[in-house]
N, C-alpha and C. Protein backbone atom coordinates (compact mmCIF):
# COMPACT_ATOMS: atom_id res chain seq x y z
N MET A 1 0.82 -1.21 0.00
CA MET A 1 0.00 0.00 0.00
C MET A 1 0.85 1.27 0.00
N LYS A 2 2.12 1.16 0.45
CA LYS A 2 3.00 2.32 0.45
C LYS A 2 3.57 2.52 -0.94
N GLN A 3 3.11 3.56 -1.63
CA GLN A 3 3.63 3.90 -2.94
C GLN A 3 3.91 5.39 -2.97
N LYS A 4 4.99 5.77 -3.64
CA LYS A 4 5.28 7.19 -3.76
C LYS A 4 4.26 7.86 -4.67
N PHE A 5 3.85 9.04 -4.27
CA PHE A 5 2.90 9.83 -5.06
C PHE A 5 3.65 10.90 -5.82
N ASN A 6 3.35 10.99 -7.11
CA ASN A 6 3.88 12.07 -7.92
C ASN A 6 2.75 12.56 -8.82
N ILE A 7 2.66 12.01 -10.01
CA ILE A 7 1.53 12.31 -10.90
C ILE A 7 0.75 11.02 -11.13
N ILE A 8 -0.51 11.04 -10.84
CA ILE A 8 -1.38 9.89 -11.06
C ILE A 8 -2.35 10.26 -12.17
N GLN A 9 -2.29 9.53 -13.26
CA GLN A 9 -3.19 9.75 -14.39
C GLN A 9 -3.93 8.45 -14.66
N SER A 10 -5.25 8.52 -14.60
CA SER A 10 -6.03 7.27 -14.62
C SER A 10 -7.46 7.54 -15.08
N THR A 11 -8.09 6.46 -15.55
CA THR A 11 -9.55 6.48 -15.69
C THR A 11 -10.14 6.44 -14.28
N CYS A 12 -11.43 6.66 -14.19
CA CYS A 12 -12.05 6.87 -12.88
C CYS A 12 -13.27 5.98 -12.66
N LEU A 13 -13.55 5.72 -11.38
CA LEU A 13 -14.78 5.06 -10.97
C LEU A 13 -15.74 6.12 -10.47
N PRO A 14 -16.86 6.35 -11.17
CA PRO A 14 -17.81 7.36 -10.72
C PRO A 14 -18.80 6.77 -9.72
N ILE A 15 -18.68 7.13 -8.46
CA ILE A 15 -19.60 6.65 -7.43
C ILE A 15 -20.37 7.86 -6.92
N ALA A 16 -21.44 8.17 -7.64
CA ALA A 16 -22.19 9.41 -7.41
C ALA A 16 -23.21 9.24 -6.28
N ILE A 17 -22.71 8.91 -5.09
CA ILE A 17 -23.57 8.73 -3.93
C ILE A 17 -23.25 9.83 -2.94
N ASP A 18 -24.15 10.77 -2.75
CA ASP A 18 -23.94 11.79 -1.73
C ASP A 18 -24.09 11.16 -0.35
N ASN A 19 -23.30 11.67 0.60
CA ASN A 19 -23.32 11.14 1.98
C ASN A 19 -23.02 9.64 2.01
N CYS A 20 -22.10 9.22 1.14
CA CYS A 20 -21.71 7.80 1.12
C CYS A 20 -20.98 7.51 2.43
N ASN A 21 -21.65 6.79 3.33
CA ASN A 21 -21.09 6.62 4.66
C ASN A 21 -20.17 5.41 4.74
N THR A 22 -19.47 5.32 5.85
CA THR A 22 -18.47 4.26 5.99
C THR A 22 -19.10 2.87 6.07
N ASP A 23 -20.37 2.79 6.44
CA ASP A 23 -21.04 1.49 6.46
C ASP A 23 -21.33 1.00 5.05
N LEU A 24 -21.53 1.93 4.12
CA LEU A 24 -21.65 1.54 2.71
C LEU A 24 -20.28 1.15 2.15
N ILE A 25 -19.26 1.90 2.54
CA ILE A 25 -17.91 1.62 2.04
C ILE A 25 -17.44 0.25 2.51
N ILE A 26 -17.71 -0.09 3.77
CA ILE A 26 -17.43 -1.44 4.27
C ILE A 26 -18.42 -1.76 5.38
N PRO A 27 -19.26 -2.78 5.20
CA PRO A 27 -20.27 -3.13 6.21
C PRO A 27 -19.66 -3.47 7.56
N ALA A 28 -20.41 -3.20 8.61
CA ALA A 28 -19.89 -3.31 9.97
C ALA A 28 -19.42 -4.72 10.32
N ARG A 29 -19.99 -5.74 9.68
CA ARG A 29 -19.62 -7.10 10.06
C ARG A 29 -18.16 -7.42 9.76
N TYR A 30 -17.52 -6.64 8.90
CA TYR A 30 -16.12 -6.87 8.58
C TYR A 30 -15.18 -6.27 9.62
N LEU A 31 -15.72 -5.48 10.53
CA LEU A 31 -14.86 -4.80 11.49
C LEU A 31 -14.29 -5.74 12.54
N ALA A 32 -14.90 -6.90 12.70
CA ALA A 32 -14.42 -7.84 13.72
C ALA A 32 -13.19 -8.61 13.28
N SER A 33 -12.85 -8.51 12.01
CA SER A 33 -11.70 -9.28 11.50
C SER A 33 -10.39 -8.72 12.07
N THR A 34 -9.46 -9.60 12.36
CA THR A 34 -8.15 -9.18 12.88
C THR A 34 -7.08 -9.13 11.80
N THR A 35 -7.43 -9.52 10.58
CA THR A 35 -6.44 -9.51 9.50
C THR A 35 -6.17 -8.08 9.03
N ARG A 36 -5.01 -7.86 8.44
CA ARG A 36 -4.74 -6.60 7.75
C ARG A 36 -4.45 -6.88 6.27
N ASP A 37 -4.94 -8.03 5.80
CA ASP A 37 -4.75 -8.41 4.40
C ASP A 37 -5.48 -7.41 3.50
N PRO A 38 -4.77 -6.67 2.65
CA PRO A 38 -5.44 -5.69 1.79
C PRO A 38 -6.53 -6.30 0.92
N LYS A 39 -6.30 -7.51 0.41
CA LYS A 39 -7.28 -8.14 -0.47
C LYS A 39 -8.59 -8.41 0.28
N PHE A 40 -8.48 -8.83 1.53
CA PHE A 40 -9.69 -9.10 2.32
C PHE A 40 -10.56 -7.85 2.39
N PHE A 41 -9.96 -6.73 2.70
CA PHE A 41 -10.74 -5.50 2.81
C PHE A 41 -11.13 -4.95 1.45
N GLY A 42 -10.26 -5.15 0.44
CA GLY A 42 -10.62 -4.73 -0.91
C GLY A 42 -11.83 -5.48 -1.43
N ASP A 43 -11.91 -6.77 -1.13
CA ASP A 43 -13.06 -7.57 -1.55
C ASP A 43 -14.34 -7.11 -0.85
N ALA A 44 -14.19 -6.52 0.34
CA ALA A 44 -15.36 -6.06 1.10
C ALA A 44 -15.80 -4.66 0.70
N PHE A 45 -15.02 -3.98 -0.13
CA PHE A 45 -15.33 -2.60 -0.53
C PHE A 45 -16.71 -2.54 -1.20
N MET A 46 -17.60 -1.73 -0.67
CA MET A 46 -18.94 -1.54 -1.21
C MET A 46 -19.69 -2.87 -1.37
N HIS A 47 -19.39 -3.82 -0.50
CA HIS A 47 -19.88 -5.19 -0.71
C HIS A 47 -21.39 -5.27 -0.85
N ASP A 48 -22.12 -4.60 0.03
CA ASP A 48 -23.57 -4.78 0.03
C ASP A 48 -24.27 -3.97 -1.06
N LEU A 49 -23.53 -3.15 -1.77
CA LEU A 49 -24.05 -2.51 -2.98
C LEU A 49 -23.63 -3.30 -4.22
N ARG A 50 -22.48 -3.94 -4.13
CA ARG A 50 -21.98 -4.72 -5.28
C ARG A 50 -22.68 -6.07 -5.41
N PHE A 51 -23.11 -6.65 -4.27
CA PHE A 51 -23.67 -8.00 -4.29
C PHE A 51 -25.00 -8.04 -3.55
N ASP A 52 -25.90 -8.94 -4.03
CA ASP A 52 -27.18 -9.10 -3.35
C ASP A 52 -27.04 -10.09 -2.20
N ALA A 53 -28.15 -10.43 -1.56
CA ALA A 53 -28.12 -11.30 -0.39
C ALA A 53 -27.62 -12.70 -0.70
N ASP A 54 -27.69 -13.11 -1.98
CA ASP A 54 -27.20 -14.42 -2.40
C ASP A 54 -25.76 -14.38 -2.90
N GLY A 55 -25.13 -13.21 -2.80
CA GLY A 55 -23.75 -13.08 -3.25
C GLY A 55 -23.58 -12.88 -4.74
N LYS A 56 -24.68 -12.61 -5.43
CA LYS A 56 -24.60 -12.38 -6.88
C LYS A 56 -24.40 -10.89 -7.16
N PRO A 57 -23.59 -10.56 -8.16
CA PRO A 57 -23.35 -9.15 -8.48
C PRO A 57 -24.64 -8.41 -8.83
N VAL A 58 -24.78 -7.22 -8.31
CA VAL A 58 -25.92 -6.36 -8.65
C VAL A 58 -25.57 -5.65 -9.96
N SER A 59 -26.26 -6.01 -11.02
CA SER A 59 -25.83 -5.60 -12.36
C SER A 59 -25.86 -4.10 -12.59
N ASP A 60 -26.77 -3.39 -11.92
CA ASP A 60 -26.88 -1.96 -12.20
C ASP A 60 -25.99 -1.11 -11.29
N PHE A 61 -25.24 -1.74 -10.37
CA PHE A 61 -24.31 -0.96 -9.56
C PHE A 61 -23.07 -0.67 -10.39
N VAL A 62 -22.57 0.54 -10.26
CA VAL A 62 -21.53 1.04 -11.16
C VAL A 62 -20.30 0.13 -11.21
N LEU A 63 -19.87 -0.43 -10.08
CA LEU A 63 -18.66 -1.25 -10.08
C LEU A 63 -18.85 -2.59 -10.78
N ASN A 64 -20.09 -2.94 -11.10
CA ASN A 64 -20.37 -4.17 -11.84
C ASN A 64 -20.69 -3.92 -13.31
N GLN A 65 -20.72 -2.66 -13.70
CA GLN A 65 -20.99 -2.34 -15.10
C GLN A 65 -19.72 -2.54 -15.92
N PRO A 66 -19.85 -3.02 -17.15
CA PRO A 66 -18.67 -3.39 -17.94
C PRO A 66 -17.58 -2.33 -18.02
N ASP A 67 -17.98 -1.07 -18.13
CA ASP A 67 -16.98 -0.01 -18.27
C ASP A 67 -16.18 0.23 -16.99
N PHE A 68 -16.70 -0.23 -15.86
CA PHE A 68 -16.07 0.10 -14.58
C PHE A 68 -15.77 -1.13 -13.72
N SER A 69 -15.92 -2.31 -14.27
CA SER A 69 -15.76 -3.52 -13.47
C SER A 69 -14.31 -4.00 -13.39
N GLU A 70 -13.45 -3.46 -14.24
CA GLU A 70 -12.06 -3.88 -14.20
C GLU A 70 -11.42 -3.43 -12.89
N ALA A 71 -10.65 -4.32 -12.28
CA ALA A 71 -10.00 -3.99 -11.01
C ALA A 71 -8.99 -2.86 -11.21
N PRO A 72 -8.88 -1.96 -10.25
CA PRO A 72 -7.90 -0.88 -10.37
C PRO A 72 -6.48 -1.41 -10.51
N LYS A 73 -5.73 -0.73 -11.35
CA LYS A 73 -4.29 -1.00 -11.53
C LYS A 73 -3.70 0.28 -12.08
N GLU A 74 -2.40 0.29 -12.31
CA GLU A 74 -1.77 1.53 -12.73
C GLU A 74 -2.41 2.08 -14.01
N GLY A 75 -2.92 3.30 -13.90
CA GLY A 75 -3.53 3.97 -15.04
C GLY A 75 -4.97 3.61 -15.30
N VAL A 76 -5.50 2.67 -14.55
CA VAL A 76 -6.88 2.22 -14.76
C VAL A 76 -7.63 2.23 -13.43
N HIS A 77 -8.62 3.10 -13.34
CA HIS A 77 -9.54 3.12 -12.20
C HIS A 77 -8.83 3.30 -10.85
N GLU A 78 -7.71 4.01 -10.86
CA GLU A 78 -7.04 4.30 -9.60
C GLU A 78 -7.69 5.47 -8.86
N ILE A 79 -8.64 6.11 -9.52
CA ILE A 79 -9.28 7.31 -8.97
C ILE A 79 -10.78 7.08 -8.83
N ILE A 80 -11.32 7.40 -7.68
CA ILE A 80 -12.77 7.45 -7.47
C ILE A 80 -13.20 8.90 -7.53
N VAL A 81 -14.25 9.17 -8.29
CA VAL A 81 -14.95 10.45 -8.18
C VAL A 81 -16.22 10.17 -7.40
N GLY A 82 -16.28 10.68 -6.18
CA GLY A 82 -17.39 10.37 -5.29
C GLY A 82 -18.35 11.52 -5.12
N GLY A 83 -19.49 11.21 -4.51
CA GLY A 83 -20.48 12.24 -4.22
C GLY A 83 -20.05 13.13 -3.06
N GLN A 84 -20.91 14.09 -2.74
CA GLN A 84 -20.61 15.02 -1.66
C GLN A 84 -20.59 14.31 -0.31
N ASN A 85 -19.80 14.86 0.61
CA ASN A 85 -19.72 14.36 1.98
C ASN A 85 -19.31 12.89 2.01
N TRP A 86 -18.25 12.59 1.28
CA TRP A 86 -17.75 11.21 1.19
C TRP A 86 -17.20 10.77 2.54
N GLY A 87 -17.57 9.56 2.97
CA GLY A 87 -17.00 8.98 4.19
C GLY A 87 -17.64 9.45 5.47
N SER A 88 -18.90 9.85 5.42
CA SER A 88 -19.60 10.26 6.63
C SER A 88 -19.92 9.03 7.48
N GLY A 89 -20.48 9.26 8.65
CA GLY A 89 -20.85 8.14 9.52
C GLY A 89 -19.77 7.82 10.52
N SER A 90 -19.61 6.55 10.85
CA SER A 90 -18.66 6.15 11.88
C SER A 90 -17.23 6.41 11.43
N SER A 91 -16.32 6.46 12.40
CA SER A 91 -14.93 6.81 12.10
C SER A 91 -14.08 5.61 11.73
N ARG A 92 -14.68 4.47 11.46
CA ARG A 92 -13.92 3.22 11.23
C ARG A 92 -12.81 3.38 10.20
N GLU A 93 -11.60 3.05 10.62
CA GLU A 93 -10.46 3.11 9.72
C GLU A 93 -10.57 2.05 8.62
N HIS A 94 -11.37 1.02 8.88
CA HIS A 94 -11.53 -0.06 7.91
C HIS A 94 -12.04 0.46 6.55
N ALA A 95 -12.79 1.56 6.57
CA ALA A 95 -13.29 2.12 5.31
C ALA A 95 -12.13 2.56 4.43
N ALA A 96 -11.14 3.17 5.04
CA ALA A 96 -9.95 3.57 4.27
C ALA A 96 -9.15 2.34 3.84
N TRP A 97 -9.08 1.33 4.72
CA TRP A 97 -8.39 0.09 4.35
C TRP A 97 -9.06 -0.54 3.12
N ALA A 98 -10.40 -0.51 3.10
CA ALA A 98 -11.14 -1.13 1.99
C ALA A 98 -10.85 -0.41 0.67
N ILE A 99 -10.84 0.90 0.71
CA ILE A 99 -10.57 1.68 -0.51
C ILE A 99 -9.15 1.41 -1.00
N ALA A 100 -8.19 1.43 -0.08
CA ALA A 100 -6.80 1.16 -0.45
C ALA A 100 -6.65 -0.28 -0.93
N GLY A 101 -7.30 -1.21 -0.25
CA GLY A 101 -7.21 -2.62 -0.62
C GLY A 101 -7.82 -2.91 -1.98
N TYR A 102 -8.79 -2.10 -2.37
CA TYR A 102 -9.42 -2.27 -3.68
C TYR A 102 -8.49 -1.82 -4.81
N GLY A 103 -7.50 -1.01 -4.46
CA GLY A 103 -6.53 -0.55 -5.45
C GLY A 103 -6.64 0.92 -5.81
N VAL A 104 -7.50 1.65 -5.11
CA VAL A 104 -7.71 3.07 -5.39
C VAL A 104 -6.62 3.89 -4.70
N ARG A 105 -6.12 4.90 -5.39
CA ARG A 105 -5.08 5.76 -4.83
C ARG A 105 -5.54 7.18 -4.57
N VAL A 106 -6.64 7.58 -5.23
CA VAL A 106 -7.15 8.95 -5.07
C VAL A 106 -8.67 8.91 -5.00
N VAL A 107 -9.25 9.68 -4.07
CA VAL A 107 -10.69 9.89 -4.04
C VAL A 107 -10.93 11.38 -4.21
N ILE A 108 -11.74 11.74 -5.20
CA ILE A 108 -12.08 13.14 -5.47
C ILE A 108 -13.52 13.38 -5.07
N SER A 109 -13.76 14.43 -4.31
CA SER A 109 -15.11 14.81 -3.91
C SER A 109 -15.14 16.30 -3.62
N SER A 110 -16.34 16.85 -3.51
CA SER A 110 -16.46 18.26 -3.12
C SER A 110 -16.38 18.43 -1.61
N SER A 111 -16.52 17.33 -0.85
CA SER A 111 -16.38 17.40 0.61
C SER A 111 -16.19 16.01 1.18
N PHE A 112 -15.46 15.94 2.28
CA PHE A 112 -15.17 14.69 2.98
C PHE A 112 -15.51 14.85 4.45
N ALA A 113 -15.89 13.74 5.08
CA ALA A 113 -15.93 13.72 6.53
C ALA A 113 -14.49 13.80 7.04
N ASP A 114 -14.24 14.65 8.04
CA ASP A 114 -12.87 14.95 8.45
C ASP A 114 -12.08 13.72 8.88
N ILE A 115 -12.68 12.88 9.73
CA ILE A 115 -11.94 11.72 10.23
C ILE A 115 -11.62 10.77 9.09
N HIS A 116 -12.58 10.54 8.21
CA HIS A 116 -12.33 9.64 7.08
C HIS A 116 -11.24 10.21 6.18
N ARG A 117 -11.25 11.50 5.98
CA ARG A 117 -10.21 12.13 5.15
C ARG A 117 -8.83 11.86 5.73
N ASN A 118 -8.69 11.99 7.04
CA ASN A 118 -7.40 11.72 7.68
C ASN A 118 -7.05 10.24 7.61
N ASN A 119 -8.06 9.37 7.76
CA ASN A 119 -7.80 7.93 7.65
C ASN A 119 -7.30 7.57 6.26
N LEU A 120 -7.87 8.19 5.23
CA LEU A 120 -7.40 7.93 3.87
C LEU A 120 -5.92 8.30 3.73
N LEU A 121 -5.56 9.48 4.21
CA LEU A 121 -4.17 9.91 4.11
C LEU A 121 -3.24 8.93 4.82
N ASN A 122 -3.67 8.44 5.98
CA ASN A 122 -2.84 7.49 6.73
C ASN A 122 -2.72 6.15 6.02
N CYS A 123 -3.65 5.87 5.10
CA CYS A 123 -3.61 4.60 4.35
C CYS A 123 -3.09 4.80 2.93
N PHE A 124 -2.44 5.92 2.69
CA PHE A 124 -1.83 6.21 1.38
C PHE A 124 -2.88 6.28 0.27
N VAL A 125 -4.01 6.89 0.60
CA VAL A 125 -5.02 7.26 -0.39
C VAL A 125 -5.19 8.77 -0.28
N LEU A 126 -5.08 9.47 -1.41
CA LEU A 126 -5.13 10.93 -1.40
C LEU A 126 -6.56 11.42 -1.58
N PRO A 127 -7.12 12.13 -0.58
CA PRO A 127 -8.43 12.76 -0.76
C PRO A 127 -8.26 14.14 -1.38
N VAL A 128 -8.93 14.38 -2.48
CA VAL A 128 -8.82 15.65 -3.20
C VAL A 128 -10.16 16.35 -3.18
N ILE A 129 -10.18 17.57 -2.63
CA ILE A 129 -11.42 18.35 -2.57
C ILE A 129 -11.45 19.32 -3.74
N VAL A 130 -12.54 19.25 -4.51
CA VAL A 130 -12.75 20.15 -5.64
C VAL A 130 -14.08 20.88 -5.46
N SER A 131 -14.33 21.85 -6.31
CA SER A 131 -15.60 22.56 -6.25
C SER A 131 -16.73 21.64 -6.73
N GLU A 132 -17.96 21.95 -6.34
CA GLU A 132 -19.10 21.17 -6.79
C GLU A 132 -19.24 21.24 -8.31
N GLN A 133 -18.90 22.38 -8.89
CA GLN A 133 -19.01 22.53 -10.33
C GLN A 133 -18.02 21.61 -11.05
N PHE A 134 -16.80 21.55 -10.53
CA PHE A 134 -15.78 20.68 -11.14
C PHE A 134 -16.13 19.22 -10.92
N GLN A 135 -16.65 18.92 -9.75
CA GLN A 135 -17.10 17.55 -9.46
C GLN A 135 -18.16 17.12 -10.47
N THR A 136 -19.14 17.98 -10.73
CA THR A 136 -20.19 17.68 -11.70
C THR A 136 -19.62 17.51 -13.10
N GLU A 137 -18.65 18.36 -13.46
CA GLU A 137 -18.03 18.24 -14.77
C GLU A 137 -17.32 16.90 -14.91
N LEU A 138 -16.64 16.46 -13.86
CA LEU A 138 -15.96 15.17 -13.92
C LEU A 138 -16.96 14.04 -14.14
N PHE A 139 -18.05 14.04 -13.38
CA PHE A 139 -19.06 13.01 -13.57
C PHE A 139 -19.58 13.03 -15.01
N ASN A 140 -19.89 14.21 -15.52
CA ASN A 140 -20.43 14.31 -16.88
C ASN A 140 -19.44 13.78 -17.92
N SER A 141 -18.19 14.09 -17.75
CA SER A 141 -17.17 13.62 -18.70
C SER A 141 -17.03 12.11 -18.65
N ILE A 142 -17.05 11.55 -17.45
CA ILE A 142 -16.89 10.09 -17.30
C ILE A 142 -18.10 9.36 -17.86
N TYR A 143 -19.29 9.88 -17.60
CA TYR A 143 -20.49 9.24 -18.14
C TYR A 143 -20.54 9.33 -19.66
N ALA A 144 -20.04 10.44 -20.21
CA ALA A 144 -20.02 10.60 -21.66
C ALA A 144 -18.99 9.68 -22.31
N ASP A 145 -17.87 9.46 -21.60
CA ASP A 145 -16.82 8.58 -22.11
C ASP A 145 -16.10 7.95 -20.92
N PRO A 146 -16.40 6.69 -20.62
CA PRO A 146 -15.77 6.04 -19.47
C PRO A 146 -14.25 5.95 -19.56
N LYS A 147 -13.69 6.20 -20.74
CA LYS A 147 -12.23 6.18 -20.88
C LYS A 147 -11.60 7.53 -20.54
N THR A 148 -12.43 8.49 -20.11
CA THR A 148 -11.91 9.79 -19.68
C THR A 148 -10.87 9.60 -18.58
N GLU A 149 -9.76 10.30 -18.73
CA GLU A 149 -8.71 10.23 -17.72
C GLU A 149 -8.62 11.54 -16.95
N VAL A 150 -8.25 11.41 -15.70
CA VAL A 150 -8.02 12.56 -14.82
C VAL A 150 -6.58 12.50 -14.36
N LYS A 151 -5.92 13.65 -14.34
CA LYS A 151 -4.53 13.72 -13.88
C LYS A 151 -4.46 14.46 -12.55
N VAL A 152 -3.89 13.79 -11.57
CA VAL A 152 -3.69 14.40 -10.25
C VAL A 152 -2.19 14.62 -10.08
N ASP A 153 -1.80 15.88 -10.06
CA ASP A 153 -0.39 16.27 -9.95
C ASP A 153 -0.15 16.66 -8.49
N VAL A 154 0.46 15.75 -7.74
CA VAL A 154 0.65 16.00 -6.31
C VAL A 154 1.66 17.11 -6.05
N PRO A 155 2.83 17.12 -6.72
CA PRO A 155 3.78 18.20 -6.46
C PRO A 155 3.18 19.59 -6.66
N ASN A 156 2.38 19.76 -7.72
CA ASN A 156 1.79 21.07 -8.02
C ASN A 156 0.39 21.23 -7.45
N GLN A 157 -0.12 20.17 -6.83
CA GLN A 157 -1.43 20.19 -6.18
C GLN A 157 -2.55 20.64 -7.14
N THR A 158 -2.57 19.99 -8.32
CA THR A 158 -3.61 20.27 -9.29
C THR A 158 -4.29 18.98 -9.72
N VAL A 159 -5.57 19.09 -10.07
CA VAL A 159 -6.32 17.97 -10.64
C VAL A 159 -6.89 18.47 -11.96
N THR A 160 -6.71 17.67 -13.02
CA THR A 160 -7.09 18.10 -14.36
C THR A 160 -8.00 17.07 -15.03
N ASN A 161 -9.10 17.55 -15.56
CA ASN A 161 -9.98 16.73 -16.38
C ASN A 161 -9.41 16.75 -17.80
N LEU A 162 -8.81 15.67 -18.23
CA LEU A 162 -8.14 15.66 -19.53
C LEU A 162 -9.13 15.68 -20.69
N ALA A 163 -10.41 15.44 -20.42
CA ALA A 163 -11.41 15.52 -21.49
C ALA A 163 -11.73 16.97 -21.84
N THR A 164 -11.59 17.87 -20.86
CA THR A 164 -11.93 19.28 -21.09
C THR A 164 -10.72 20.20 -20.95
N GLY A 165 -9.68 19.71 -20.31
CA GLY A 165 -8.52 20.55 -20.06
C GLY A 165 -8.66 21.44 -18.84
N HIS A 166 -9.79 21.37 -18.15
CA HIS A 166 -10.00 22.20 -16.98
C HIS A 166 -9.26 21.63 -15.77
N SER A 167 -8.69 22.55 -14.97
CA SER A 167 -7.94 22.15 -13.78
C SER A 167 -8.41 22.93 -12.57
N GLU A 168 -8.17 22.35 -11.41
CA GLU A 168 -8.37 23.06 -10.15
C GLU A 168 -7.19 22.73 -9.23
N LYS A 169 -6.90 23.67 -8.35
CA LYS A 169 -5.91 23.44 -7.31
C LYS A 169 -6.59 22.73 -6.14
N PHE A 170 -5.83 21.95 -5.39
CA PHE A 170 -6.36 21.36 -4.17
C PHE A 170 -5.36 21.55 -3.04
N ASP A 171 -5.87 21.54 -1.82
CA ASP A 171 -5.04 21.73 -0.64
C ASP A 171 -4.63 20.39 -0.05
N ILE A 172 -3.45 20.37 0.53
CA ILE A 172 -2.99 19.20 1.28
C ILE A 172 -2.00 19.69 2.33
N ASN A 173 -2.10 19.13 3.51
CA ASN A 173 -1.16 19.42 4.58
C ASN A 173 0.27 19.14 4.11
N GLY A 174 1.19 20.07 4.38
CA GLY A 174 2.55 19.93 3.90
C GLY A 174 3.25 18.67 4.40
N TYR A 175 3.00 18.32 5.65
CA TYR A 175 3.61 17.12 6.21
C TYR A 175 3.10 15.88 5.49
N LYS A 176 1.76 15.80 5.29
CA LYS A 176 1.20 14.64 4.61
C LYS A 176 1.64 14.57 3.16
N LYS A 177 1.79 15.71 2.53
CA LYS A 177 2.27 15.74 1.15
C LYS A 177 3.67 15.15 1.08
N TYR A 178 4.54 15.55 1.99
CA TYR A 178 5.90 15.02 2.03
C TYR A 178 5.88 13.51 2.23
N CYS A 179 5.04 13.05 3.17
CA CYS A 179 4.96 11.62 3.46
C CYS A 179 4.47 10.83 2.25
N LEU A 180 3.43 11.33 1.57
CA LEU A 180 2.91 10.63 0.40
C LEU A 180 3.95 10.58 -0.71
N MET A 181 4.64 11.69 -0.94
CA MET A 181 5.59 11.74 -2.04
C MET A 181 6.82 10.88 -1.78
N ASN A 182 7.04 10.54 -0.51
CA ASN A 182 8.20 9.72 -0.16
C ASN A 182 7.82 8.35 0.40
N ALA A 183 6.51 8.00 0.31
CA ALA A 183 6.02 6.70 0.79
C ALA A 183 6.39 6.45 2.24
N LEU A 184 6.15 7.45 3.09
CA LEU A 184 6.46 7.36 4.51
C LEU A 184 5.19 7.39 5.35
N ASP A 185 5.07 6.48 6.29
CA ASP A 185 4.02 6.65 7.29
C ASP A 185 4.63 7.43 8.46
N ASP A 186 3.85 7.65 9.52
CA ASP A 186 4.32 8.49 10.61
C ASP A 186 5.57 7.92 11.28
N ILE A 187 5.61 6.60 11.44
CA ILE A 187 6.79 5.98 12.07
C ILE A 187 8.00 6.08 11.15
N ASP A 188 7.79 5.84 9.85
CA ASP A 188 8.88 6.00 8.89
C ASP A 188 9.48 7.40 8.97
N PHE A 189 8.60 8.39 9.08
CA PHE A 189 9.05 9.79 9.14
C PHE A 189 9.91 10.02 10.38
N LEU A 190 9.47 9.48 11.52
CA LEU A 190 10.26 9.64 12.74
C LEU A 190 11.62 8.96 12.61
N LEU A 191 11.64 7.76 12.03
CA LEU A 191 12.90 7.05 11.86
C LEU A 191 13.83 7.80 10.90
N GLU A 192 13.23 8.41 9.86
CA GLU A 192 14.03 9.18 8.92
C GLU A 192 14.72 10.35 9.62
N ASN A 193 14.09 10.86 10.67
CA ASN A 193 14.61 12.01 11.40
C ASN A 193 15.20 11.64 12.76
N LYS A 194 15.54 10.37 12.91
CA LYS A 194 16.05 9.88 14.21
C LYS A 194 17.27 10.65 14.66
N ASN A 195 18.22 10.88 13.75
CA ASN A 195 19.44 11.59 14.13
C ASN A 195 19.15 13.02 14.59
N LYS A 196 18.23 13.68 13.89
CA LYS A 196 17.87 15.05 14.28
C LYS A 196 17.22 15.06 15.66
N ILE A 197 16.37 14.08 15.91
CA ILE A 197 15.69 14.00 17.21
C ILE A 197 16.71 13.77 18.32
N GLU A 198 17.66 12.86 18.08
CA GLU A 198 18.68 12.56 19.09
C GLU A 198 19.58 13.77 19.34
N GLN A 199 19.91 14.49 18.27
CA GLN A 199 20.73 15.70 18.44
C GLN A 199 19.98 16.76 19.24
N TYR A 200 18.70 16.88 19.00
CA TYR A 200 17.89 17.86 19.74
C TYR A 200 17.83 17.49 21.21
N GLU A 201 17.63 16.21 21.49
CA GLU A 201 17.54 15.76 22.89
C GLU A 201 18.87 15.97 23.62
N GLN A 202 20.00 15.75 22.93
CA GLN A 202 21.30 15.93 23.55
C GLN A 202 21.59 17.40 23.83
N ALA A 203 21.03 18.26 22.96
CA ALA A 203 21.27 19.71 23.14
C ALA A 203 20.41 20.27 24.27
């Protein structure tokens, strides 16, 4: 799950569900698991929307539609364009694990629940906040052509709809930006600065 972030250019999964809560992202029954296997949580991503009570794929759900059913990989479906207030509800970190385990590296929305946004960053998934107008444009472009690609430039903090050429800037905490660009979690960052910390303590 630790990958360096630079420029991510990919087709997108349009999940146009406003107030998509963490129980939709991963049902509560998966929270009792003690595994940290990414595939386990990736398979549980949006499970109760993807599958019916008999375990059969729900054909009209976006992730089961032919244009969007391919598993995320480099350059393909690494980006989710989500509805407003993405990740509302409980603060379960498992929701971020599920998104990362599914193979997604970026979630774009006009708003995020704060705790979920931080959980995504801790799981090496970049939450990108755009205007509602740009969010709508992205959905329209993807629906018009599922092969539409979006470019997320982390160093310059821009997101670009390559179908229209329109771009927006996005904000990211400087510390988290550094960690993402260098594939560091919080402990990695402390270890990277171990000598500086020891010198400070000695002084």
